[in-house]
Amino acid sequence: MERNNLYPIFLKSKNLNFLIVGGGFVAEEKLTFLLKSSPDAKVTMVSPMFREGTIELSKKGNVTLIKDVYQKKYLEGRHIVVATTDIPAINVQVWKDCRAEAKLVNVADNPPYCDFYMGGIVTKGNVKVAISTNGKSPTTAKRLRQFFEDVIPENVDDLVKNLNEYRKTIKGNFEEKVEKLNEFTKSLVEK
């Protein structure tokens, strides 16, 4: 049976430099979701043209737009790259250049050329849930995101903050603290 072997991580986006190659609809969509999840992300976009929506969105974040064709020099100082052009040869070149420089890359809608996928994300204050379908069905990830947005209570952030304060008052070693917190939070998942 096939399974999802991806390793989920939560990146501190403000400490990283992102590059999006392309300026069309897919590039705008990737930028939208990146800034929605990480408004403090540092993003550079390179494309001969940008949609009006992308230009407006760039003003709301730490986004630099460069009107140019892709060149390898734009990878300098970047940690994570997303290629979204409608020219497959350019996207593959971006992938090759990133592989040569050990940079994480995602070629939109082309799983063999992806080191990572940008999945569905639900955020409620300090609580964030990421959803992956292993690159098989972004639409399913979208629907699951909508489901979790509805079922995770709005006040879950209050619970997290209160538990954080409680955690600071617990005495004992790490193992004892974990045991007390596990007991205290068990009711969250009991039916």
N, C-alpha and C. Protein backbone atom coordinates (compact mmCIF):
# COMPACT_ATOMS: atom_id res chain seq x y z
N MET A 1 0.84 -1.19 0.00
CA MET A 1 0.00 0.00 0.00
C MET A 1 0.90 1.26 0.00
N GLU A 2 0.57 2.17 -0.88
CA GLU A 2 1.33 3.42 -0.95
C GLU A 2 1.00 4.29 0.25
N ARG A 3 2.00 5.04 0.74
CA ARG A 3 1.77 5.93 1.87
C ARG A 3 2.54 7.23 1.66
N ASN A 4 2.20 8.20 2.43
CA ASN A 4 2.84 9.50 2.38
C ASN A 4 4.09 9.46 3.26
N ASN A 5 5.26 9.52 2.64
CA ASN A 5 6.52 9.47 3.38
C ASN A 5 7.15 10.86 3.55
N LEU A 6 6.41 11.90 3.28
CA LEU A 6 6.94 13.26 3.43
C LEU A 6 7.15 13.56 4.91
N TYR A 7 8.17 14.37 5.20
CA TYR A 7 8.44 14.77 6.57
C TYR A 7 7.96 16.20 6.77
N PRO A 8 6.92 16.41 7.57
CA PRO A 8 6.39 17.77 7.75
C PRO A 8 7.27 18.59 8.70
N ILE A 9 7.51 19.82 8.32
CA ILE A 9 8.24 20.75 9.18
C ILE A 9 7.54 22.10 9.12
N PHE A 10 7.75 22.93 10.13
CA PHE A 10 7.23 24.28 10.13
C PHE A 10 8.43 25.22 10.09
N LEU A 11 8.52 25.96 9.02
CA LEU A 11 9.68 26.83 8.79
C LEU A 11 9.46 28.21 9.40
N LYS A 12 10.51 28.78 9.94
CA LYS A 12 10.49 30.18 10.39
C LYS A 12 10.79 31.02 9.15
N SER A 13 9.75 31.32 8.41
CA SER A 13 9.89 31.95 7.10
C SER A 13 10.60 33.29 7.12
N LYS A 14 10.48 34.01 8.23
CA LYS A 14 11.13 35.32 8.29
C LYS A 14 12.65 35.20 8.29
N ASN A 15 13.17 33.99 8.59
CA ASN A 15 14.62 33.75 8.60
C ASN A 15 15.13 33.23 7.26
N LEU A 16 14.24 33.04 6.29
CA LEU A 16 14.60 32.45 5.01
C LEU A 16 14.30 33.41 3.87
N ASN A 17 14.96 33.18 2.75
CA ASN A 17 14.71 33.98 1.54
C ASN A 17 14.09 33.08 0.48
N PHE A 18 12.92 33.47 0.02
CA PHE A 18 12.18 32.71 -0.98
C PHE A 18 12.32 33.36 -2.35
N LEU A 19 12.34 32.55 -3.38
CA LEU A 19 12.32 33.03 -4.75
C LEU A 19 11.17 32.34 -5.47
N ILE A 20 10.33 33.14 -6.10
CA ILE A 20 9.28 32.59 -6.96
C ILE A 20 9.62 33.02 -8.38
N VAL A 21 9.78 32.04 -9.27
CA VAL A 21 10.08 32.32 -10.67
C VAL A 21 8.78 32.23 -11.44
N GLY A 22 8.34 33.35 -11.97
CA GLY A 22 7.08 33.43 -12.70
C GLY A 22 6.24 34.56 -12.15
N GLY A 23 5.31 35.03 -12.95
CA GLY A 23 4.48 36.15 -12.54
C GLY A 23 3.02 35.99 -12.91
N GLY A 24 2.64 34.78 -13.30
CA GLY A 24 1.27 34.53 -13.71
C GLY A 24 0.37 34.12 -12.56
N PHE A 25 -0.73 33.47 -12.91
CA PHE A 25 -1.74 33.09 -11.93
C PHE A 25 -1.17 32.16 -10.86
N VAL A 26 -0.42 31.14 -11.28
CA VAL A 26 0.10 30.17 -10.31
C VAL A 26 1.08 30.85 -9.36
N ALA A 27 1.93 31.72 -9.87
CA ALA A 27 2.87 32.47 -9.02
C ALA A 27 2.10 33.30 -8.00
N GLU A 28 1.06 33.96 -8.45
CA GLU A 28 0.24 34.78 -7.53
C GLU A 28 -0.42 33.91 -6.47
N GLU A 29 -0.89 32.74 -6.86
CA GLU A 29 -1.51 31.82 -5.91
C GLU A 29 -0.49 31.36 -4.87
N LYS A 30 0.71 31.00 -5.30
CA LYS A 30 1.76 30.57 -4.37
C LYS A 30 2.12 31.70 -3.41
N LEU A 31 2.26 32.92 -3.94
CA LEU A 31 2.58 34.08 -3.09
C LEU A 31 1.46 34.33 -2.09
N THR A 32 0.22 34.25 -2.55
CA THR A 32 -0.93 34.48 -1.68
C THR A 32 -0.91 33.54 -0.49
N PHE A 33 -0.73 32.24 -0.74
CA PHE A 33 -0.76 31.27 0.34
C PHE A 33 0.47 31.38 1.24
N LEU A 34 1.62 31.72 0.66
CA LEU A 34 2.82 31.90 1.47
C LEU A 34 2.65 33.07 2.43
N LEU A 35 2.14 34.20 1.92
CA LEU A 35 1.96 35.38 2.78
C LEU A 35 0.81 35.20 3.76
N LYS A 36 -0.20 34.43 3.38
CA LYS A 36 -1.31 34.17 4.31
C LYS A 36 -0.79 33.39 5.52
N SER A 37 0.05 32.42 5.27
CA SER A 37 0.58 31.60 6.35
C SER A 37 1.73 32.28 7.07
N SER A 38 2.58 33.00 6.32
CA SER A 38 3.79 33.62 6.88
C SER A 38 3.91 35.05 6.36
N PRO A 39 3.14 35.99 6.94
CA PRO A 39 3.14 37.37 6.44
C PRO A 39 4.51 38.04 6.48
N ASP A 40 5.42 37.52 7.30
CA ASP A 40 6.75 38.13 7.41
C ASP A 40 7.79 37.46 6.51
N ALA A 41 7.36 36.59 5.60
CA ALA A 41 8.29 35.92 4.69
C ALA A 41 8.95 36.94 3.76
N LYS A 42 10.23 36.71 3.47
CA LYS A 42 10.97 37.55 2.53
C LYS A 42 10.95 36.85 1.17
N VAL A 43 10.30 37.49 0.19
CA VAL A 43 10.08 36.86 -1.10
C VAL A 43 10.58 37.76 -2.22
N THR A 44 11.29 37.15 -3.17
CA THR A 44 11.65 37.82 -4.41
C THR A 44 10.95 37.07 -5.52
N MET A 45 10.38 37.82 -6.46
CA MET A 45 9.74 37.21 -7.62
C MET A 45 10.44 37.73 -8.87
N VAL A 46 10.72 36.81 -9.81
CA VAL A 46 11.36 37.17 -11.06
C VAL A 46 10.47 36.72 -12.20
N SER A 47 10.13 37.67 -13.07
CA SER A 47 9.30 37.38 -14.23
C SER A 47 9.32 38.57 -15.18
N PRO A 48 9.17 38.32 -16.47
CA PRO A 48 9.08 39.45 -17.41
C PRO A 48 7.80 40.27 -17.21
N MET A 49 6.79 39.66 -16.57
CA MET A 49 5.52 40.37 -16.31
C MET A 49 4.92 39.88 -15.00
N PHE A 50 4.09 40.75 -14.39
CA PHE A 50 3.38 40.39 -13.17
C PHE A 50 1.92 40.78 -13.30
N ARG A 51 1.05 39.94 -12.78
CA ARG A 51 -0.38 40.25 -12.74
C ARG A 51 -0.61 41.44 -11.81
N GLU A 52 -1.67 42.17 -12.06
CA GLU A 52 -2.01 43.32 -11.20
C GLU A 52 -2.20 42.89 -9.75
N GLY A 53 -2.84 41.74 -9.56
CA GLY A 53 -3.06 41.22 -8.22
C GLY A 53 -1.75 40.94 -7.50
N THR A 54 -0.77 40.46 -8.23
CA THR A 54 0.54 40.17 -7.65
C THR A 54 1.22 41.47 -7.23
N ILE A 55 1.12 42.48 -8.06
CA ILE A 55 1.72 43.78 -7.74
C ILE A 55 1.09 44.35 -6.48
N GLU A 56 -0.23 44.28 -6.36
CA GLU A 56 -0.91 44.77 -5.16
C GLU A 56 -0.54 43.95 -3.93
N LEU A 57 -0.50 42.64 -4.09
CA LEU A 57 -0.16 41.75 -2.98
C LEU A 57 1.27 42.00 -2.50
N SER A 58 2.16 42.30 -3.42
CA SER A 58 3.56 42.52 -3.05
C SER A 58 3.73 43.73 -2.14
N LYS A 59 2.81 44.68 -2.24
CA LYS A 59 2.88 45.89 -1.41
C LYS A 59 2.51 45.60 0.04
N LYS A 60 1.84 44.47 0.27
CA LYS A 60 1.37 44.12 1.62
C LYS A 60 2.39 43.27 2.38
N GLY A 61 3.44 42.84 1.71
CA GLY A 61 4.42 41.98 2.35
C GLY A 61 5.83 42.44 2.03
N ASN A 62 6.78 41.64 2.44
CA ASN A 62 8.19 41.91 2.19
C ASN A 62 8.55 41.23 0.87
N VAL A 63 7.99 41.77 -0.22
CA VAL A 63 8.11 41.15 -1.54
C VAL A 63 8.81 42.10 -2.50
N THR A 64 9.81 41.58 -3.19
CA THR A 64 10.53 42.34 -4.21
C THR A 64 10.20 41.74 -5.57
N LEU A 65 9.75 42.59 -6.50
CA LEU A 65 9.44 42.15 -7.85
C LEU A 65 10.57 42.58 -8.78
N ILE A 66 11.09 41.63 -9.56
CA ILE A 66 12.14 41.92 -10.53
C ILE A 66 11.61 41.54 -11.91
N LYS A 67 11.48 42.54 -12.78
CA LYS A 67 11.01 42.28 -14.15
C LYS A 67 12.20 41.86 -15.00
N ASP A 68 12.32 40.56 -15.18
CA ASP A 68 13.43 39.99 -15.93
C ASP A 68 13.10 38.54 -16.21
N VAL A 69 13.84 37.93 -17.12
CA VAL A 69 13.72 36.50 -17.34
C VAL A 69 14.57 35.80 -16.28
N TYR A 70 14.26 34.55 -16.02
CA TYR A 70 15.02 33.81 -15.02
C TYR A 70 16.48 33.69 -15.44
N GLN A 71 17.35 33.93 -14.48
CA GLN A 71 18.78 33.69 -14.63
C GLN A 71 19.27 33.05 -13.35
N LYS A 72 20.26 32.20 -13.45
CA LYS A 72 20.78 31.47 -12.29
C LYS A 72 21.21 32.42 -11.18
N LYS A 73 21.65 33.62 -11.52
CA LYS A 73 22.13 34.57 -10.51
C LYS A 73 21.05 34.90 -9.47
N TYR A 74 19.78 34.73 -9.84
CA TYR A 74 18.70 35.06 -8.90
C TYR A 74 18.58 34.04 -7.76
N LEU A 75 19.28 32.91 -7.86
CA LEU A 75 19.28 31.92 -6.78
C LEU A 75 20.18 32.35 -5.62
N GLU A 76 21.09 33.27 -5.89
CA GLU A 76 22.05 33.66 -4.86
C GLU A 76 21.33 34.19 -3.61
N GLY A 77 21.66 33.61 -2.47
CA GLY A 77 21.07 34.03 -1.20
C GLY A 77 19.68 33.49 -0.94
N ARG A 78 19.16 32.68 -1.83
CA ARG A 78 17.81 32.12 -1.65
C ARG A 78 17.91 30.74 -1.01
N HIS A 79 16.95 30.44 -0.17
CA HIS A 79 16.90 29.14 0.49
C HIS A 79 15.88 28.21 -0.15
N ILE A 80 14.75 28.79 -0.54
CA ILE A 80 13.63 28.01 -1.07
C ILE A 80 13.15 28.66 -2.36
N VAL A 81 12.95 27.83 -3.39
CA VAL A 81 12.60 28.34 -4.72
C VAL A 81 11.34 27.63 -5.21
N VAL A 82 10.45 28.42 -5.83
CA VAL A 82 9.24 27.88 -6.43
C VAL A 82 9.21 28.33 -7.89
N ALA A 83 9.16 27.39 -8.82
CA ALA A 83 9.11 27.70 -10.24
C ALA A 83 7.67 27.53 -10.73
N THR A 84 7.14 28.58 -11.36
CA THR A 84 5.72 28.56 -11.75
C THR A 84 5.49 28.99 -13.19
N THR A 85 6.53 29.04 -14.01
CA THR A 85 6.33 29.56 -15.36
C THR A 85 5.51 28.58 -16.20
N ASP A 86 5.00 29.05 -17.32
CA ASP A 86 4.25 28.17 -18.22
C ASP A 86 5.17 27.61 -19.32
N ILE A 87 6.48 27.73 -19.10
CA ILE A 87 7.46 27.20 -20.04
C ILE A 87 8.22 26.07 -19.34
N PRO A 88 7.87 24.81 -19.63
CA PRO A 88 8.48 23.67 -18.92
C PRO A 88 10.01 23.69 -18.92
N ALA A 89 10.64 24.09 -19.99
CA ALA A 89 12.11 24.09 -20.06
C ALA A 89 12.71 25.04 -19.02
N ILE A 90 12.07 26.17 -18.78
CA ILE A 90 12.56 27.10 -17.75
C ILE A 90 12.40 26.49 -16.37
N ASN A 91 11.25 25.90 -16.11
CA ASN A 91 11.01 25.27 -14.81
C ASN A 91 12.03 24.16 -14.53
N VAL A 92 12.33 23.35 -15.54
CA VAL A 92 13.31 22.28 -15.38
C VAL A 92 14.71 22.87 -15.16
N GLN A 93 15.01 23.98 -15.84
CA GLN A 93 16.31 24.62 -15.63
C GLN A 93 16.43 25.15 -14.20
N VAL A 94 15.36 25.74 -13.69
CA VAL A 94 15.35 26.20 -12.30
C VAL A 94 15.62 25.02 -11.37
N TRP A 95 14.95 23.90 -11.63
CA TRP A 95 15.14 22.69 -10.82
C TRP A 95 16.60 22.23 -10.87
N LYS A 96 17.17 22.16 -12.08
CA LYS A 96 18.57 21.73 -12.23
C LYS A 96 19.51 22.67 -11.48
N ASP A 97 19.29 23.97 -11.63
CA ASP A 97 20.14 24.95 -10.96
C ASP A 97 20.04 24.82 -9.44
N CYS A 98 18.84 24.59 -8.94
CA CYS A 98 18.64 24.42 -7.49
C CYS A 98 19.30 23.14 -7.01
N ARG A 99 19.19 22.05 -7.75
CA ARG A 99 19.82 20.79 -7.37
C ARG A 99 21.33 20.98 -7.27
N ALA A 100 21.91 21.71 -8.22
CA ALA A 100 23.36 21.93 -8.24
C ALA A 100 23.82 22.76 -7.04
N GLU A 101 22.94 23.57 -6.50
CA GLU A 101 23.30 24.44 -5.38
C GLU A 101 22.66 24.01 -4.05
N ALA A 102 22.09 22.82 -4.02
CA ALA A 102 21.47 22.26 -2.81
C ALA A 102 20.41 23.19 -2.22
N LYS A 103 19.56 23.74 -3.08
CA LYS A 103 18.46 24.59 -2.65
C LYS A 103 17.16 23.80 -2.79
N LEU A 104 16.26 23.98 -1.83
CA LEU A 104 14.96 23.32 -1.93
C LEU A 104 14.14 23.98 -3.03
N VAL A 105 13.51 23.15 -3.86
CA VAL A 105 12.77 23.68 -5.00
C VAL A 105 11.44 22.94 -5.17
N ASN A 106 10.45 23.69 -5.61
CA ASN A 106 9.14 23.16 -5.96
C ASN A 106 8.81 23.66 -7.36
N VAL A 107 8.63 22.75 -8.29
CA VAL A 107 8.16 23.12 -9.62
C VAL A 107 6.66 22.84 -9.63
N ALA A 108 5.89 23.92 -9.70
CA ALA A 108 4.43 23.82 -9.56
C ALA A 108 3.84 22.79 -10.51
N ASP A 109 2.97 21.96 -9.96
CA ASP A 109 2.25 20.94 -10.72
C ASP A 109 3.16 19.97 -11.45
N ASN A 110 4.34 19.69 -10.87
CA ASN A 110 5.26 18.74 -11.49
C ASN A 110 6.00 17.98 -10.38
N PRO A 111 5.32 17.04 -9.71
CA PRO A 111 5.88 16.34 -8.54
C PRO A 111 7.29 15.78 -8.69
N PRO A 112 7.69 15.23 -9.85
CA PRO A 112 9.07 14.71 -9.92
C PRO A 112 10.14 15.79 -9.72
N TYR A 113 9.76 17.05 -9.92
CA TYR A 113 10.70 18.16 -9.77
C TYR A 113 10.44 18.96 -8.49
N CYS A 114 9.99 18.27 -7.46
CA CYS A 114 9.68 18.95 -6.20
C CYS A 114 10.42 18.30 -5.03
N ASP A 115 11.08 19.13 -4.23
CA ASP A 115 11.66 18.67 -2.97
C ASP A 115 10.62 18.77 -1.86
N PHE A 116 9.58 19.54 -2.10
CA PHE A 116 8.53 19.76 -1.10
C PHE A 116 7.26 20.15 -1.84
N TYR A 117 6.14 20.00 -1.14
CA TYR A 117 4.85 20.45 -1.65
C TYR A 117 4.31 21.52 -0.72
N MET A 118 3.54 22.42 -1.27
CA MET A 118 2.90 23.46 -0.47
C MET A 118 1.46 23.00 -0.24
N GLY A 119 1.21 22.40 0.93
CA GLY A 119 -0.07 21.79 1.23
C GLY A 119 -1.10 22.76 1.75
N GLY A 120 -2.23 22.23 2.14
CA GLY A 120 -3.28 23.02 2.76
C GLY A 120 -2.90 23.37 4.18
N ILE A 121 -3.24 24.57 4.62
CA ILE A 121 -2.85 25.03 5.95
C ILE A 121 -4.04 25.67 6.65
N VAL A 122 -4.23 25.29 7.91
CA VAL A 122 -5.25 25.90 8.75
C VAL A 122 -4.53 26.57 9.91
N THR A 123 -4.82 27.85 10.14
CA THR A 123 -4.18 28.59 11.22
C THR A 123 -5.25 29.19 12.12
N LYS A 124 -5.12 28.93 13.41
CA LYS A 124 -5.99 29.52 14.43
C LYS A 124 -5.08 30.03 15.54
N GLY A 125 -4.63 31.26 15.42
CA GLY A 125 -3.70 31.82 16.41
C GLY A 125 -2.37 31.09 16.35
N ASN A 126 -1.98 30.46 17.47
CA ASN A 126 -0.72 29.72 17.55
C ASN A 126 -0.83 28.29 17.02
N VAL A 127 -2.03 27.86 16.72
CA VAL A 127 -2.24 26.50 16.23
C VAL A 127 -2.24 26.50 14.71
N LYS A 128 -1.43 25.63 14.14
CA LYS A 128 -1.35 25.51 12.69
C LYS A 128 -1.37 24.04 12.33
N VAL A 129 -2.23 23.66 11.39
CA VAL A 129 -2.33 22.30 10.91
C VAL A 129 -2.02 22.31 9.42
N ALA A 130 -1.05 21.48 9.02
CA ALA A 130 -0.69 21.37 7.61
C ALA A 130 -1.23 20.06 7.06
N ILE A 131 -1.69 20.09 5.81
CA ILE A 131 -2.32 18.93 5.19
C ILE A 131 -1.59 18.61 3.89
N SER A 132 -1.23 17.35 3.73
CA SER A 132 -0.56 16.91 2.51
C SER A 132 -1.28 15.71 1.92
N THR A 133 -1.37 15.70 0.60
CA THR A 133 -1.89 14.53 -0.10
C THR A 133 -0.77 13.89 -0.92
N ASN A 134 0.48 14.16 -0.52
CA ASN A 134 1.64 13.59 -1.19
C ASN A 134 1.74 14.07 -2.64
N GLY A 135 1.21 15.27 -2.89
CA GLY A 135 1.25 15.82 -4.24
C GLY A 135 0.24 15.21 -5.19
N LYS A 136 -0.63 14.35 -4.68
CA LYS A 136 -1.57 13.64 -5.55
C LYS A 136 -2.84 14.42 -5.84
N SER A 137 -3.32 15.21 -4.86
CA SER A 137 -4.60 15.88 -5.05
C SER A 137 -4.69 17.18 -4.25
N PRO A 138 -4.18 18.28 -4.80
CA PRO A 138 -4.30 19.56 -4.11
C PRO A 138 -5.74 19.93 -3.77
N THR A 139 -6.68 19.50 -4.59
CA THR A 139 -8.09 19.80 -4.34
C THR A 139 -8.57 19.13 -3.06
N THR A 140 -8.13 17.89 -2.81
CA THR A 140 -8.49 17.21 -1.58
C THR A 140 -7.90 17.94 -0.38
N ALA A 141 -6.65 18.39 -0.50
CA ALA A 141 -6.03 19.15 0.59
C ALA A 141 -6.83 20.42 0.87
N LYS A 142 -7.30 21.05 -0.18
CA LYS A 142 -8.12 22.27 -0.04
C LYS A 142 -9.41 21.97 0.73
N ARG A 143 -10.08 20.88 0.36
CA ARG A 143 -11.34 20.52 1.03
C ARG A 143 -11.11 20.13 2.48
N LEU A 144 -10.02 19.42 2.75
CA LEU A 144 -9.71 19.07 4.14
C LEU A 144 -9.38 20.32 4.94
N ARG A 145 -8.69 21.27 4.32
CA ARG A 145 -8.41 22.54 4.99
C ARG A 145 -9.71 23.22 5.38
N GLN A 146 -10.66 23.27 4.46
CA GLN A 146 -11.95 23.89 4.76
C GLN A 146 -12.66 23.16 5.89
N PHE A 147 -12.58 21.84 5.90
CA PHE A 147 -13.19 21.05 6.96
C PHE A 147 -12.58 21.39 8.32
N PHE A 148 -11.25 21.39 8.40
CA PHE A 148 -10.58 21.66 9.67
C PHE A 148 -10.77 23.11 10.12
N GLU A 149 -10.89 24.03 9.18
CA GLU A 149 -11.18 25.41 9.57
C GLU A 149 -12.52 25.49 10.29
N ASP A 150 -13.46 24.65 9.88
CA ASP A 150 -14.78 24.64 10.51
C ASP A 150 -14.80 23.92 11.85
N VAL A 151 -14.04 22.80 11.98
CA VAL A 151 -14.16 21.99 13.19
C VAL A 151 -13.20 22.39 14.31
N ILE A 152 -12.10 23.03 13.99
CA ILE A 152 -11.19 23.48 15.06
C ILE A 152 -11.79 24.74 15.66
N PRO A 153 -12.06 24.72 16.97
CA PRO A 153 -12.74 25.87 17.57
C PRO A 153 -11.88 27.14 17.52
N GLU A 154 -12.57 28.26 17.39
CA GLU A 154 -11.88 29.56 17.33
C GLU A 154 -11.08 29.84 18.60
N ASN A 155 -11.56 29.33 19.73
CA ASN A 155 -10.89 29.61 21.01
C ASN A 155 -9.76 28.65 21.32
N VAL A 156 -9.33 27.83 20.36
CA VAL A 156 -8.24 26.89 20.61
C VAL A 156 -6.96 27.64 20.97
N ASP A 157 -6.79 28.85 20.47
CA ASP A 157 -5.60 29.63 20.79
C ASP A 157 -5.58 30.02 22.27
N ASP A 158 -6.74 30.31 22.83
CA ASP A 158 -6.81 30.61 24.26
C ASP A 158 -6.35 29.41 25.08
N LEU A 159 -6.79 28.22 24.67
CA LEU A 159 -6.39 26.99 25.35
C LEU A 159 -4.87 26.82 25.30
N VAL A 160 -4.30 27.04 24.13
CA VAL A 160 -2.85 26.89 23.96
C VAL A 160 -2.10 27.87 24.86
N LYS A 161 -2.54 29.10 24.89
CA LYS A 161 -1.88 30.11 25.72
C LYS A 161 -2.00 29.76 27.20
N ASN A 162 -3.18 29.31 27.63
CA ASN A 162 -3.37 28.92 29.03
C ASN A 162 -2.51 27.72 29.40
N LEU A 163 -2.42 26.74 28.49
CA LEU A 163 -1.59 25.57 28.76
C LEU A 163 -0.11 25.95 28.82
N ASN A 164 0.28 26.92 28.04
CA ASN A 164 1.66 27.39 28.08
C ASN A 164 1.97 28.00 29.45
N GLU A 165 1.03 28.78 29.97
CA GLU A 165 1.23 29.38 31.31
C GLU A 165 1.25 28.28 32.38
N TYR A 166 0.34 27.31 32.26
CA TYR A 166 0.30 26.19 33.21
C TYR A 166 1.62 25.41 33.17
N ARG A 167 2.12 25.17 31.95
CA ARG A 167 3.37 24.43 31.77
C ARG A 167 4.52 25.08 32.53
N LYS A 168 4.54 26.39 32.57
CA LYS A 168 5.61 27.12 33.26
C LYS A 168 5.57 26.90 34.77
N THR A 169 4.40 26.53 35.31
CA THR A 169 4.26 26.36 36.77
C THR A 169 4.52 24.93 37.23
N ILE A 170 4.57 23.97 36.31
CA ILE A 170 4.73 22.56 36.68
C ILE A 170 6.16 22.33 37.18
N LYS A 171 6.24 21.63 38.30
CA LYS A 171 7.53 21.27 38.89
C LYS A 171 7.90 19.86 38.46
N GLY A 172 9.18 19.57 38.47
CA GLY A 172 9.65 18.23 38.15
C GLY A 172 10.53 18.22 36.92
N ASN A 173 11.00 17.02 36.56
CA ASN A 173 11.85 16.90 35.38
C ASN A 173 10.99 16.89 34.11
N PHE A 174 11.64 16.84 32.98
CA PHE A 174 10.93 16.91 31.69
C PHE A 174 9.87 15.83 31.57
N GLU A 175 10.23 14.61 31.94
CA GLU A 175 9.31 13.48 31.82
C GLU A 175 8.06 13.69 32.68
N GLU A 176 8.25 14.17 33.89
CA GLU A 176 7.12 14.41 34.79
C GLU A 176 6.22 15.52 34.25
N LYS A 177 6.81 16.55 33.69
CA LYS A 177 6.03 17.65 33.11
C LYS A 177 5.20 17.16 31.93
N VAL A 178 5.82 16.36 31.07
CA VAL A 178 5.11 15.82 29.91
C VAL A 178 3.94 14.96 30.37
N GLU A 179 4.17 14.14 31.39
CA GLU A 179 3.11 13.27 31.91
C GLU A 179 1.93 14.09 32.43
N LYS A 180 2.22 15.14 33.19
CA LYS A 180 1.16 16.00 33.72
C LYS A 180 0.39 16.71 32.60
N LEU A 181 1.10 17.20 31.62
CA LEU A 181 0.43 17.88 30.49
C LEU A 181 -0.39 16.89 29.66
N ASN A 182 0.13 15.69 29.47
CA ASN A 182 -0.63 14.66 28.74
C ASN A 182 -1.92 14.33 29.46
N GLU A 183 -1.86 14.20 30.77
CA GLU A 183 -3.05 13.90 31.56
C GLU A 183 -4.05 15.06 31.47
N PHE A 184 -3.53 16.27 31.58
CA PHE A 184 -4.37 17.46 31.56
C PHE A 184 -5.07 17.65 30.21
N THR A 185 -4.40 17.31 29.12
CA THR A 185 -4.96 17.54 27.78
C THR A 185 -5.68 16.32 27.21
N LYS A 186 -5.69 15.21 27.92
CA LYS A 186 -6.32 13.98 27.41
C LYS A 186 -7.78 14.21 27.03
N SER A 187 -8.47 15.05 27.76
CA SER A 187 -9.90 15.27 27.50
C SER A 187 -10.13 15.95 26.13
N LEU A 188 -9.11 16.54 25.57
CA LEU A 188 -9.28 17.19 24.26
C LEU A 188 -9.60 16.21 23.15
N VAL A 189 -9.10 14.97 23.28
CA VAL A 189 -9.30 13.99 22.22
C VAL A 189 -10.23 12.86 22.59
N GLU A 190 -10.72 12.84 23.82
CA GLU A 190 -11.66 11.79 24.20
C GLU A 190 -13.02 12.10 23.61
N LYS A 191 -13.71 11.01 23.22
CA LYS A 191 -15.03 11.20 22.58
C LYS A 191 -16.12 11.28 23.61
